[in-house]
């Protein structure tokens, strides 16, 4: 079954019950249903965000949080499931310094990287390495004159 958790609750629903026997229930889309106890593998990769455009900002923020911790908690707790990109590890992986350190520790070639709040340290790094690439550590929502825009970064190694 293929689904985007961002479709919740418009075209994706969840029925989950936690009992003395564990988690049971199902995920439903307009065309498919998956029994939570029968899901054996899950590839979780960059789902779209939850959206509640019919709600005011405060109510939408509340609903997004409930969806994240409700549906997200169910998806992260599937019994006997092999995860490719467990939802909790995706959050951990969003911290670029930790990811680069883990990659270096595993023997991958990692380009010289500086994370600093010091302009002097940045200047020294540029002198030592010549050409450099600036990349944001994360891509938050950024608004210019009230209009949302996305920044984009690409991996270089």
N, C-alpha and C. Protein backbone atom coordinates (compact mmCIF):
# COMPACT_ATOMS: atom_id res chain seq x y z
N UNK A 1 0.86 -1.17 0.00
CA UNK A 1 0.00 0.00 0.00
C UNK A 1 0.90 1.22 0.00
N UNK A 2 0.61 2.16 -0.84
CA UNK A 2 1.36 3.40 -0.91
C UNK A 2 0.46 4.53 -0.43
N UNK A 3 1.02 5.38 0.44
CA UNK A 3 0.24 6.50 0.93
C UNK A 3 1.16 7.63 1.34
N UNK A 4 0.59 8.80 1.46
CA UNK A 4 1.29 9.98 1.94
C UNK A 4 0.59 10.39 3.23
N UNK A 5 1.33 10.38 4.34
CA UNK A 5 0.70 10.73 5.61
C UNK A 5 0.15 12.15 5.59
N UNK A 6 0.64 12.99 4.69
CA UNK A 6 0.10 14.34 4.54
C UNK A 6 -1.33 14.36 4.04
N UNK A 7 -1.82 13.22 3.55
CA UNK A 7 -3.21 13.14 3.10
C UNK A 7 -4.18 13.01 4.27
N UNK A 8 -3.65 12.85 5.46
CA UNK A 8 -4.49 12.73 6.66
C UNK A 8 -4.99 14.10 7.07
N UNK A 9 -6.23 14.28 7.39
CA UNK A 9 -7.33 13.33 7.41
C UNK A 9 -8.21 13.38 6.16
N UNK A 10 -7.83 14.18 5.16
CA UNK A 10 -8.69 14.37 3.98
C UNK A 10 -8.99 13.06 3.26
N UNK A 11 -7.95 12.29 2.91
CA UNK A 11 -8.18 11.04 2.18
C UNK A 11 -7.43 9.87 2.79
N UNK A 12 -6.93 10.04 3.98
CA UNK A 12 -6.29 8.96 4.73
C UNK A 12 -6.87 8.99 6.13
N UNK A 13 -7.27 7.84 6.61
CA UNK A 13 -7.76 7.79 7.99
C UNK A 13 -7.07 6.66 8.73
N UNK A 14 -7.13 6.74 10.03
CA UNK A 14 -6.52 5.73 10.89
C UNK A 14 -7.54 5.30 11.92
N UNK A 15 -7.54 4.01 12.20
CA UNK A 15 -8.33 3.44 13.29
C UNK A 15 -7.35 2.57 14.07
N UNK A 16 -6.87 3.07 15.19
CA UNK A 16 -5.88 2.35 15.97
C UNK A 16 -6.35 2.20 17.40
N UNK A 17 -6.18 1.01 17.92
CA UNK A 17 -6.55 0.73 19.29
C UNK A 17 -5.35 0.08 19.97
N UNK A 18 -5.07 0.54 21.17
CA UNK A 18 -4.00 -0.05 21.95
C UNK A 18 -4.67 -0.82 23.09
N UNK A 19 -4.41 -2.12 23.12
CA UNK A 19 -5.02 -2.97 24.14
C UNK A 19 -3.93 -3.72 24.88
N UNK A 20 -4.34 -4.61 25.78
CA UNK A 20 -3.36 -5.43 26.49
C UNK A 20 -2.59 -6.34 25.54
N UNK A 21 -3.09 -6.49 24.31
CA UNK A 21 -2.42 -7.31 23.30
C UNK A 21 -1.58 -6.48 22.34
N UNK A 22 -1.53 -5.17 22.55
CA UNK A 22 -0.73 -4.29 21.71
C UNK A 22 -1.57 -3.46 20.76
N UNK A 23 -0.92 -2.99 19.73
CA UNK A 23 -1.55 -2.10 18.75
C UNK A 23 -2.28 -2.91 17.69
N UNK A 24 -3.49 -2.48 17.38
CA UNK A 24 -4.24 -3.09 16.28
C UNK A 24 -5.10 -2.03 15.64
N UNK A 25 -5.52 -2.29 14.42
CA UNK A 25 -6.36 -1.34 13.70
C UNK A 25 -6.00 -1.34 12.23
N UNK A 26 -6.28 -0.21 11.58
CA UNK A 26 -5.98 -0.15 10.14
C UNK A 26 -5.80 1.28 9.66
N UNK A 27 -5.10 1.39 8.55
CA UNK A 27 -4.97 2.63 7.79
C UNK A 27 -5.85 2.49 6.57
N UNK A 28 -6.58 3.55 6.23
CA UNK A 28 -7.50 3.48 5.10
C UNK A 28 -7.32 4.66 4.16
N UNK A 29 -7.30 4.36 2.87
CA UNK A 29 -7.35 5.38 1.83
C UNK A 29 -8.64 5.11 1.05
N UNK A 30 -9.00 5.95 0.11
CA UNK A 30 -10.23 5.68 -0.66
C UNK A 30 -10.19 4.34 -1.41
N UNK A 31 -9.01 3.82 -1.71
CA UNK A 31 -8.93 2.58 -2.50
C UNK A 31 -8.28 1.40 -1.78
N UNK A 32 -7.71 1.62 -0.61
CA UNK A 32 -6.97 0.55 0.06
C UNK A 32 -7.17 0.59 1.57
N UNK A 33 -6.86 -0.55 2.18
CA UNK A 33 -6.89 -0.67 3.64
C UNK A 33 -5.73 -1.56 4.06
N UNK A 34 -5.05 -1.19 5.13
CA UNK A 34 -3.94 -2.00 5.63
C UNK A 34 -4.15 -2.27 7.12
N UNK A 35 -4.13 -3.55 7.47
CA UNK A 35 -4.22 -3.96 8.87
C UNK A 35 -2.89 -3.64 9.55
N UNK A 36 -2.92 -2.88 10.62
CA UNK A 36 -1.69 -2.45 11.29
C UNK A 36 -0.84 -3.62 11.77
N UNK A 37 -1.46 -4.73 12.13
CA UNK A 37 -0.69 -5.88 12.62
C UNK A 37 -0.06 -6.67 11.49
N UNK A 38 -0.44 -6.40 10.24
CA UNK A 38 0.11 -7.13 9.10
C UNK A 38 1.14 -6.34 8.31
N UNK A 39 1.41 -5.10 8.71
CA UNK A 39 2.42 -4.31 7.99
C UNK A 39 3.79 -4.80 8.43
N UNK A 40 4.56 -5.34 7.51
CA UNK A 40 5.86 -5.94 7.83
C UNK A 40 7.04 -5.06 7.45
N UNK A 41 6.82 -4.11 6.56
CA UNK A 41 7.90 -3.21 6.16
C UNK A 41 7.29 -1.87 5.80
N UNK A 42 8.05 -0.81 6.10
CA UNK A 42 7.56 0.53 5.82
C UNK A 42 8.72 1.40 5.35
N UNK A 43 8.56 1.98 4.19
CA UNK A 43 9.51 2.95 3.67
C UNK A 43 8.90 4.32 3.88
N UNK A 44 9.50 5.09 4.75
CA UNK A 44 8.95 6.39 5.15
C UNK A 44 9.91 7.46 4.68
N UNK A 45 9.51 8.22 3.68
CA UNK A 45 10.44 9.18 3.08
C UNK A 45 9.72 10.45 2.68
N UNK A 46 10.06 11.55 3.30
CA UNK A 46 9.61 12.89 2.97
C UNK A 46 8.11 13.02 2.65
N UNK A 47 7.28 12.64 3.58
CA UNK A 47 5.86 12.86 3.32
C UNK A 47 5.56 14.35 3.31
N UNK A 48 4.49 14.72 2.63
CA UNK A 48 4.10 16.13 2.69
C UNK A 48 3.57 16.42 4.08
N UNK A 49 3.57 17.67 4.44
CA UNK A 49 3.12 18.05 5.77
C UNK A 49 1.61 17.99 5.90
N UNK A 50 1.17 17.85 7.12
CA UNK A 50 -0.26 17.90 7.38
C UNK A 50 -0.77 19.30 7.11
N UNK A 51 -1.96 19.40 6.58
CA UNK A 51 -2.53 20.72 6.26
C UNK A 51 -4.01 20.73 6.62
N UNK A 52 -4.39 21.84 7.20
CA UNK A 52 -5.79 22.04 7.57
C UNK A 52 -6.19 23.45 7.12
N UNK A 53 -6.30 23.66 5.80
CA UNK A 53 -6.55 25.00 5.27
C UNK A 53 -7.89 25.60 5.67
N UNK A 54 -8.82 24.77 6.09
CA UNK A 54 -10.14 25.25 6.48
C UNK A 54 -10.16 25.80 7.91
N UNK A 55 -9.06 25.65 8.64
CA UNK A 55 -9.01 26.11 10.03
C UNK A 55 -8.22 27.41 10.14
N UNK A 56 -8.51 28.19 11.17
CA UNK A 56 -7.70 29.38 11.40
C UNK A 56 -6.31 28.94 11.87
N UNK A 57 -5.37 29.88 11.91
CA UNK A 57 -3.96 29.53 12.15
C UNK A 57 -3.75 28.77 13.45
N UNK A 58 -4.34 29.22 14.53
CA UNK A 58 -4.14 28.56 15.82
C UNK A 58 -4.74 27.16 15.83
N UNK A 59 -5.96 27.01 15.32
CA UNK A 59 -6.59 25.69 15.28
C UNK A 59 -5.83 24.75 14.34
N UNK A 60 -5.35 25.28 13.23
CA UNK A 60 -4.58 24.45 12.29
C UNK A 60 -3.29 23.97 12.94
N UNK A 61 -2.61 24.84 13.66
CA UNK A 61 -1.38 24.46 14.36
C UNK A 61 -1.67 23.34 15.36
N UNK A 62 -2.78 23.47 16.10
CA UNK A 62 -3.18 22.44 17.05
C UNK A 62 -3.46 21.12 16.31
N UNK A 63 -4.22 21.18 15.21
CA UNK A 63 -4.57 19.98 14.46
C UNK A 63 -3.34 19.31 13.87
N UNK A 64 -2.40 20.08 13.35
CA UNK A 64 -1.16 19.51 12.80
C UNK A 64 -0.40 18.77 13.90
N UNK A 65 -0.31 19.37 15.07
CA UNK A 65 0.39 18.72 16.18
C UNK A 65 -0.30 17.42 16.57
N UNK A 66 -1.62 17.43 16.65
CA UNK A 66 -2.35 16.21 17.00
C UNK A 66 -2.16 15.14 15.93
N UNK A 67 -2.18 15.52 14.66
CA UNK A 67 -1.97 14.57 13.57
C UNK A 67 -0.56 13.98 13.64
N UNK A 68 0.40 14.83 13.89
CA UNK A 68 1.80 14.37 13.96
C UNK A 68 1.99 13.35 15.07
N UNK A 69 1.48 13.66 16.25
CA UNK A 69 1.68 12.77 17.37
C UNK A 69 0.70 11.59 17.38
N UNK A 70 -0.45 11.74 16.74
CA UNK A 70 -1.42 10.64 16.67
C UNK A 70 -1.06 9.68 15.56
N UNK A 71 -1.26 10.10 14.31
CA UNK A 71 -0.93 9.23 13.17
C UNK A 71 0.56 8.90 13.18
N UNK A 72 1.38 9.91 13.44
CA UNK A 72 2.83 9.67 13.47
C UNK A 72 3.22 8.66 14.53
N UNK A 73 2.59 8.74 15.70
CA UNK A 73 2.87 7.78 16.76
C UNK A 73 2.46 6.37 16.39
N UNK A 74 1.34 6.23 15.71
CA UNK A 74 0.89 4.91 15.26
C UNK A 74 1.87 4.36 14.23
N UNK A 75 2.21 5.15 13.23
CA UNK A 75 3.13 4.69 12.17
C UNK A 75 4.49 4.32 12.76
N UNK A 76 4.93 5.01 13.79
CA UNK A 76 6.23 4.73 14.40
C UNK A 76 6.19 3.54 15.36
N UNK A 77 5.00 2.98 15.61
CA UNK A 77 4.86 1.92 16.60
C UNK A 77 4.33 0.61 16.02
N UNK A 78 4.43 0.44 14.74
CA UNK A 78 3.86 -0.77 14.13
C UNK A 78 4.57 -2.02 14.65
N UNK A 79 3.81 -3.02 15.09
CA UNK A 79 4.43 -4.23 15.64
C UNK A 79 5.12 -5.06 14.56
N UNK A 80 6.29 -5.56 14.87
CA UNK A 80 7.05 -6.46 13.98
C UNK A 80 7.28 -5.85 12.60
N UNK A 81 7.48 -4.55 12.54
CA UNK A 81 7.66 -3.86 11.26
C UNK A 81 9.14 -3.51 11.06
N UNK A 82 9.64 -3.81 9.87
CA UNK A 82 10.98 -3.42 9.49
C UNK A 82 10.87 -2.05 8.83
N UNK A 83 11.52 -1.07 9.39
CA UNK A 83 11.45 0.29 8.88
C UNK A 83 12.66 0.60 8.01
N UNK A 84 12.40 1.17 6.86
CA UNK A 84 13.45 1.82 6.09
C UNK A 84 13.17 3.31 6.34
N UNK A 85 14.03 3.93 7.09
CA UNK A 85 13.83 5.31 7.54
C UNK A 85 12.71 5.37 8.58
N UNK A 86 12.99 4.87 9.77
CA UNK A 86 12.01 4.98 10.85
C UNK A 86 11.70 6.46 11.05
N UNK A 87 10.43 6.82 11.22
CA UNK A 87 10.07 8.24 11.35
C UNK A 87 10.88 9.00 12.41
N UNK A 88 11.21 8.37 13.51
CA UNK A 88 12.00 9.06 14.53
C UNK A 88 13.44 9.29 14.09
N UNK A 89 13.99 8.37 13.32
CA UNK A 89 15.37 8.52 12.84
C UNK A 89 15.46 9.60 11.77
N UNK A 90 14.38 9.81 11.03
CA UNK A 90 14.37 10.88 10.03
C UNK A 90 14.58 12.22 10.74
N UNK A 91 13.88 12.41 11.85
CA UNK A 91 14.06 13.63 12.63
C UNK A 91 15.49 13.79 13.09
N UNK A 92 16.09 12.70 13.57
CA UNK A 92 17.49 12.76 13.99
C UNK A 92 18.40 13.13 12.82
N UNK A 93 18.10 12.59 11.65
CA UNK A 93 18.96 12.81 10.48
C UNK A 93 18.89 14.24 9.96
N UNK A 94 17.89 14.98 10.37
CA UNK A 94 17.78 16.37 9.92
C UNK A 94 18.83 17.28 10.55
N UNK A 95 19.54 16.79 11.55
CA UNK A 95 20.62 17.56 12.16
C UNK A 95 21.90 17.28 11.37
N UNK A 96 22.23 18.17 10.43
CA UNK A 96 23.34 17.95 9.52
C UNK A 96 24.66 17.69 10.22
N UNK A 97 25.01 18.40 11.30
CA UNK A 97 26.29 18.10 11.95
C UNK A 97 26.37 16.64 12.43
N UNK A 98 25.28 16.12 12.98
CA UNK A 98 25.28 14.73 13.44
C UNK A 98 25.40 13.78 12.26
N UNK A 99 24.71 14.07 11.17
CA UNK A 99 24.79 13.22 9.98
C UNK A 99 26.18 13.20 9.38
N UNK A 100 26.80 14.37 9.28
CA UNK A 100 28.16 14.44 8.74
C UNK A 100 29.15 13.72 9.64
N UNK A 101 29.00 13.86 10.93
CA UNK A 101 29.88 13.16 11.87
C UNK A 101 29.71 11.65 11.75
N UNK A 102 28.47 11.19 11.67
CA UNK A 102 28.20 9.76 11.53
C UNK A 102 28.79 9.24 10.23
N UNK A 103 28.63 10.00 9.15
CA UNK A 103 29.19 9.59 7.85
C UNK A 103 30.71 9.48 7.93
N UNK A 104 31.36 10.46 8.53
CA UNK A 104 32.83 10.43 8.67
C UNK A 104 33.25 9.25 9.53
N UNK A 105 32.54 9.00 10.62
CA UNK A 105 32.87 7.87 11.50
C UNK A 105 32.71 6.53 10.78
N UNK A 106 31.80 6.48 9.79
CA UNK A 106 31.57 5.25 9.03
C UNK A 106 32.54 5.10 7.87
N UNK A 107 33.41 6.08 7.69
CA UNK A 107 34.43 5.98 6.64
C UNK A 107 34.09 6.69 5.34
N UNK A 108 32.99 7.40 5.28
CA UNK A 108 32.65 8.15 4.07
C UNK A 108 33.53 9.39 3.98
N UNK A 109 33.80 9.81 2.76
CA UNK A 109 34.53 11.05 2.56
C UNK A 109 33.56 12.21 2.78
N UNK A 110 33.90 13.06 3.70
CA UNK A 110 33.07 14.22 4.03
C UNK A 110 33.89 15.46 3.72
N UNK A 111 33.34 16.40 2.96
CA UNK A 111 34.12 17.61 2.65
C UNK A 111 34.40 18.40 3.92
N UNK A 112 35.49 19.14 3.93
CA UNK A 112 35.75 20.01 5.09
C UNK A 112 34.52 20.88 5.33
N UNK A 113 34.08 20.90 6.56
CA UNK A 113 32.84 21.58 6.91
C UNK A 113 33.06 22.44 8.14
N UNK A 114 32.55 23.64 8.12
CA UNK A 114 32.62 24.53 9.27
C UNK A 114 31.21 24.97 9.63
N UNK A 115 30.90 24.85 10.89
CA UNK A 115 29.65 25.39 11.43
C UNK A 115 30.08 26.40 12.47
N UNK A 116 29.75 27.65 12.25
CA UNK A 116 30.25 28.69 13.14
C UNK A 116 29.30 29.86 13.24
N UNK A 117 29.46 30.59 14.29
CA UNK A 117 28.78 31.88 14.42
C UNK A 117 29.80 33.00 14.42
N UNK A 118 31.04 32.65 14.12
CA UNK A 118 32.14 33.62 14.14
C UNK A 118 32.55 34.03 12.73
N UNK A 119 32.38 35.30 12.38
CA UNK A 119 32.84 35.76 11.06
C UNK A 119 34.34 35.53 10.86
N UNK A 120 35.13 35.70 11.91
CA UNK A 120 36.58 35.48 11.78
C UNK A 120 36.89 34.02 11.46
N UNK A 121 36.21 33.10 12.11
CA UNK A 121 36.42 31.68 11.82
C UNK A 121 36.01 31.36 10.38
N UNK A 122 34.93 31.96 9.91
CA UNK A 122 34.50 31.76 8.53
C UNK A 122 35.55 32.27 7.55
N UNK A 123 36.10 33.44 7.82
CA UNK A 123 37.15 33.99 6.95
C UNK A 123 38.37 33.08 6.90
N UNK A 124 38.78 32.57 8.04
CA UNK A 124 39.94 31.67 8.10
C UNK A 124 39.67 30.38 7.34
N UNK A 125 38.46 29.87 7.47
CA UNK A 125 38.08 28.65 6.77
C UNK A 125 38.14 28.87 5.26
N UNK A 126 37.63 30.01 4.80
CA UNK A 126 37.66 30.33 3.37
C UNK A 126 39.10 30.46 2.89
N UNK A 127 39.94 31.12 3.66
CA UNK A 127 41.37 31.25 3.30
C UNK A 127 42.02 29.87 3.18
N UNK A 128 41.71 28.98 4.09
CA UNK A 128 42.33 27.66 4.12
C UNK A 128 41.83 26.75 3.00
N UNK A 129 40.58 26.94 2.56
CA UNK A 129 39.98 26.00 1.63
C UNK A 129 39.64 26.58 0.26
N UNK A 130 39.85 27.87 0.05
CA UNK A 130 39.53 28.45 -1.25
C UNK A 130 38.03 28.56 -1.44
N UNK A 131 37.53 28.00 -2.52
CA UNK A 131 36.10 28.06 -2.80
C UNK A 131 35.32 27.30 -1.74
N UNK A 132 34.21 27.89 -1.32
CA UNK A 132 33.36 27.22 -0.35
C UNK A 132 31.91 27.32 -0.80
N UNK A 133 31.10 26.49 -0.24
CA UNK A 133 29.67 26.49 -0.49
C UNK A 133 28.98 26.74 0.83
N UNK A 134 28.05 27.67 0.84
CA UNK A 134 27.23 27.91 2.03
C UNK A 134 25.94 27.12 1.88
N UNK A 135 25.59 26.40 2.93
CA UNK A 135 24.32 25.66 2.95
C UNK A 135 23.64 25.92 4.27
N UNK A 136 22.34 26.17 4.25
CA UNK A 136 21.63 26.31 5.53
C UNK A 136 21.61 24.96 6.25
N UNK A 137 21.50 25.01 7.55
CA UNK A 137 21.44 23.78 8.33
C UNK A 137 20.06 23.13 8.28
N UNK A 138 19.06 23.93 8.00
CA UNK A 138 17.69 23.42 7.88
C UNK A 138 16.91 24.40 7.01
N UNK A 139 15.82 23.95 6.43
CA UNK A 139 15.02 24.79 5.55
C UNK A 139 13.67 25.11 6.17
N UNK A 140 13.64 26.08 7.05
CA UNK A 140 12.35 26.43 7.67
C UNK A 140 11.50 27.27 6.72
N UNK A 141 10.24 27.42 7.08
CA UNK A 141 9.37 28.33 6.34
C UNK A 141 9.95 29.73 6.47
N UNK A 142 10.10 30.39 5.37
CA UNK A 142 10.67 31.73 5.35
C UNK A 142 9.73 32.61 4.55
N UNK A 143 9.32 33.72 5.13
CA UNK A 143 8.38 34.61 4.45
C UNK A 143 9.03 35.95 4.13
N UNK A 144 8.75 36.43 2.94
CA UNK A 144 9.18 37.76 2.51
C UNK A 144 7.92 38.52 2.15
N UNK A 145 7.68 39.60 2.84
CA UNK A 145 6.46 40.40 2.65
C UNK A 145 5.21 39.54 2.75
N UNK A 146 5.23 38.61 3.71
CA UNK A 146 4.07 37.77 3.95
C UNK A 146 3.89 36.61 2.99
N UNK A 147 4.81 36.45 2.04
CA UNK A 147 4.71 35.38 1.05
C UNK A 147 5.73 34.30 1.42
N UNK A 148 5.25 33.07 1.49
CA UNK A 148 6.13 31.96 1.82
C UNK A 148 7.04 31.65 0.65
N UNK A 149 8.29 31.35 0.98
CA UNK A 149 9.22 30.89 -0.03
C UNK A 149 10.04 29.79 0.58
N UNK A 150 10.50 28.89 -0.23
CA UNK A 150 11.31 27.79 0.27
C UNK A 150 12.74 27.98 -0.18
N UNK A 151 13.65 27.70 0.73
CA UNK A 151 15.05 27.66 0.34
C UNK A 151 15.35 26.23 0.00
N UNK A 152 16.32 26.02 -0.82
CA UNK A 152 16.65 24.67 -1.23
C UNK A 152 18.15 24.47 -1.10
N UNK A 153 18.53 23.31 -0.65
CA UNK A 153 19.94 22.97 -0.62
C UNK A 153 20.11 21.61 -1.24
N UNK A 154 21.25 21.39 -1.84
CA UNK A 154 21.52 20.09 -2.41
C UNK A 154 22.76 19.53 -1.76
N UNK A 155 22.80 18.22 -1.68
CA UNK A 155 23.94 17.58 -1.04
C UNK A 155 25.13 17.58 -1.98
N UNK A 156 26.30 17.78 -1.40
CA UNK A 156 27.51 17.75 -2.20
C UNK A 156 28.38 16.58 -1.85
N UNK A 157 27.99 15.77 -0.94
CA UNK A 157 28.82 14.62 -0.60
C UNK A 157 28.38 13.99 0.56
